[in-house]
Amino acid sequence: MIRSELIQKIADENPHLYQRDVEKIVNTVFDTITEAMADGHRVELRGFGAFSVKKRDARTGRNPRTGESVDVEEKHVPFFKTGKLLRDRLNDE
């Protein structure tokens, strides 16, 4: 499912809301999660999961084409851990 499909589904299930308002709500939720993670915070949605940021240390990698060694800088990557309810639902428990 992509963002526009999510917006359409929410709008269809809530006919009392305008689609433009649903789009603002969805964008606000995603922007808020993104901003919190950019500030180094963890975002937990009970029953769904938790978004966090993990740090990857600098390392020496290899260019797959040439085999040449390259330095890979330290970076931060998003991480998602599923909640128990989501995991159980996916596994039909």
Protein backbone atom coordinates (compact mmCIF):
# COMPACT_ATOMS: atom_id res chain seq x y z
CA MET A 1 0.00 0.00 0.00
CA ILE A 2 1.28 3.44 -0.89
CA ARG A 3 0.49 6.76 0.77
CA SER A 4 -2.23 7.74 -1.72
CA GLU A 5 -3.97 4.37 -1.24
CA LEU A 6 -3.86 4.83 2.53
CA ILE A 7 -5.37 8.30 2.22
CA GLN A 8 -8.10 7.00 -0.09
CA LYS A 9 -8.94 4.09 2.25
CA ILE A 10 -9.22 6.37 5.28
CA ALA A 11 -11.34 8.85 3.31
CA ASP A 12 -13.64 6.04 2.11
CA GLU A 13 -14.10 4.71 5.65
CA ASN A 14 -14.79 8.21 7.01
CA PRO A 15 -17.20 9.91 4.58
CA HIS A 16 -17.69 12.81 7.01
CA LEU A 17 -14.06 13.90 6.39
CA TYR A 18 -12.87 15.67 3.26
CA GLN A 19 -10.10 13.91 1.38
CA ARG A 20 -7.85 16.99 1.67
CA ASP A 21 -8.25 16.85 5.47
CA VAL A 22 -7.39 13.14 5.54
CA GLU A 23 -4.30 13.90 3.44
CA LYS A 24 -3.22 16.61 5.91
CA ILE A 25 -3.71 14.19 8.83
CA VAL A 26 -1.69 11.39 7.21
CA ASN A 27 1.09 13.80 6.19
CA THR A 28 1.19 15.29 9.70
CA VAL A 29 1.51 11.84 11.29
CA PHE A 30 4.35 10.83 8.96
CA ASP A 31 6.10 14.21 9.34
CA THR A 32 5.87 14.01 13.12
CA ILE A 33 7.36 10.50 13.18
CA THR A 34 10.14 11.61 10.82
CA GLU A 35 10.95 14.72 12.88
CA ALA A 36 11.04 12.74 16.12
CA MET A 37 13.40 10.17 14.62
CA ALA A 38 15.59 12.94 13.15
CA ASP A 39 15.90 14.33 16.68
CA GLY A 40 17.03 10.89 17.89
CA HIS A 41 13.78 9.93 19.63
CA ARG A 42 11.99 6.59 19.56
CA VAL A 43 8.37 6.52 18.34
CA GLU A 44 6.15 3.74 19.68
CA LEU A 45 2.69 2.95 18.33
CA ARG A 46 1.21 0.43 20.77
CA GLY A 47 0.15 -2.79 19.08
CA PHE A 48 1.87 -1.80 15.83
CA GLY A 49 5.53 -1.33 16.60
CA ALA A 50 8.34 1.06 17.40
CA PHE A 51 10.44 3.22 15.12
CA SER A 52 13.96 4.08 16.23
CA VAL A 53 17.31 5.17 14.84
CA LYS A 54 20.39 2.98 14.95
CA LYS A 55 23.95 4.16 14.43
CA ARG A 56 26.20 2.31 12.05
CA ASP A 57 29.87 2.86 12.75
CA ALA A 58 32.34 3.87 10.08
CA ARG A 59 33.93 0.93 8.31
CA THR A 60 36.01 -0.08 5.34
CA GLY A 61 33.93 -1.47 2.50
CA ARG A 62 34.66 -2.69 -0.99
CA ASN A 63 33.53 -1.37 -4.34
CA PRO A 64 31.82 -4.43 -5.90
CA ARG A 65 32.89 -3.50 -9.44
CA THR A 66 36.56 -2.84 -8.87
CA GLY A 67 37.21 -4.58 -5.56
CA GLU A 68 38.85 -1.38 -4.35
CA SER A 69 38.66 -0.57 -0.63
CA VAL A 70 36.51 2.45 0.22
CA ASP A 71 35.85 4.18 3.52
CA VAL A 72 32.18 4.19 4.50
CA GLU A 73 31.29 7.00 6.89
CA GLU A 74 29.31 6.59 10.10
CA LYS A 75 25.59 6.90 9.47
CA HIS A 76 22.23 6.66 11.16
CA VAL A 77 19.57 4.33 9.76
CA PRO A 78 15.87 3.91 10.59
CA PHE A 79 14.86 0.72 12.38
CA PHE A 80 11.39 -0.74 12.94
CA LYS A 81 10.50 -3.38 15.50
CA THR A 82 7.04 -4.90 15.24
CA GLY A 83 4.71 -4.91 18.20
CA LYS A 84 3.32 -8.12 19.67
CA LEU A 85 -0.22 -7.59 18.32
CA LEU A 86 1.02 -7.04 14.77
CA ARG A 87 3.37 -10.03 14.97
CA ASP A 88 0.56 -12.25 16.30
CA ARG A 89 -1.85 -11.08 13.61
CA LEU A 90 0.69 -11.77 10.84
CA ASN A 91 1.24 -15.26 12.24
CA ASP A 92 -2.50 -15.97 12.78
CA GLU A 93 -2.11 -16.55 16.50
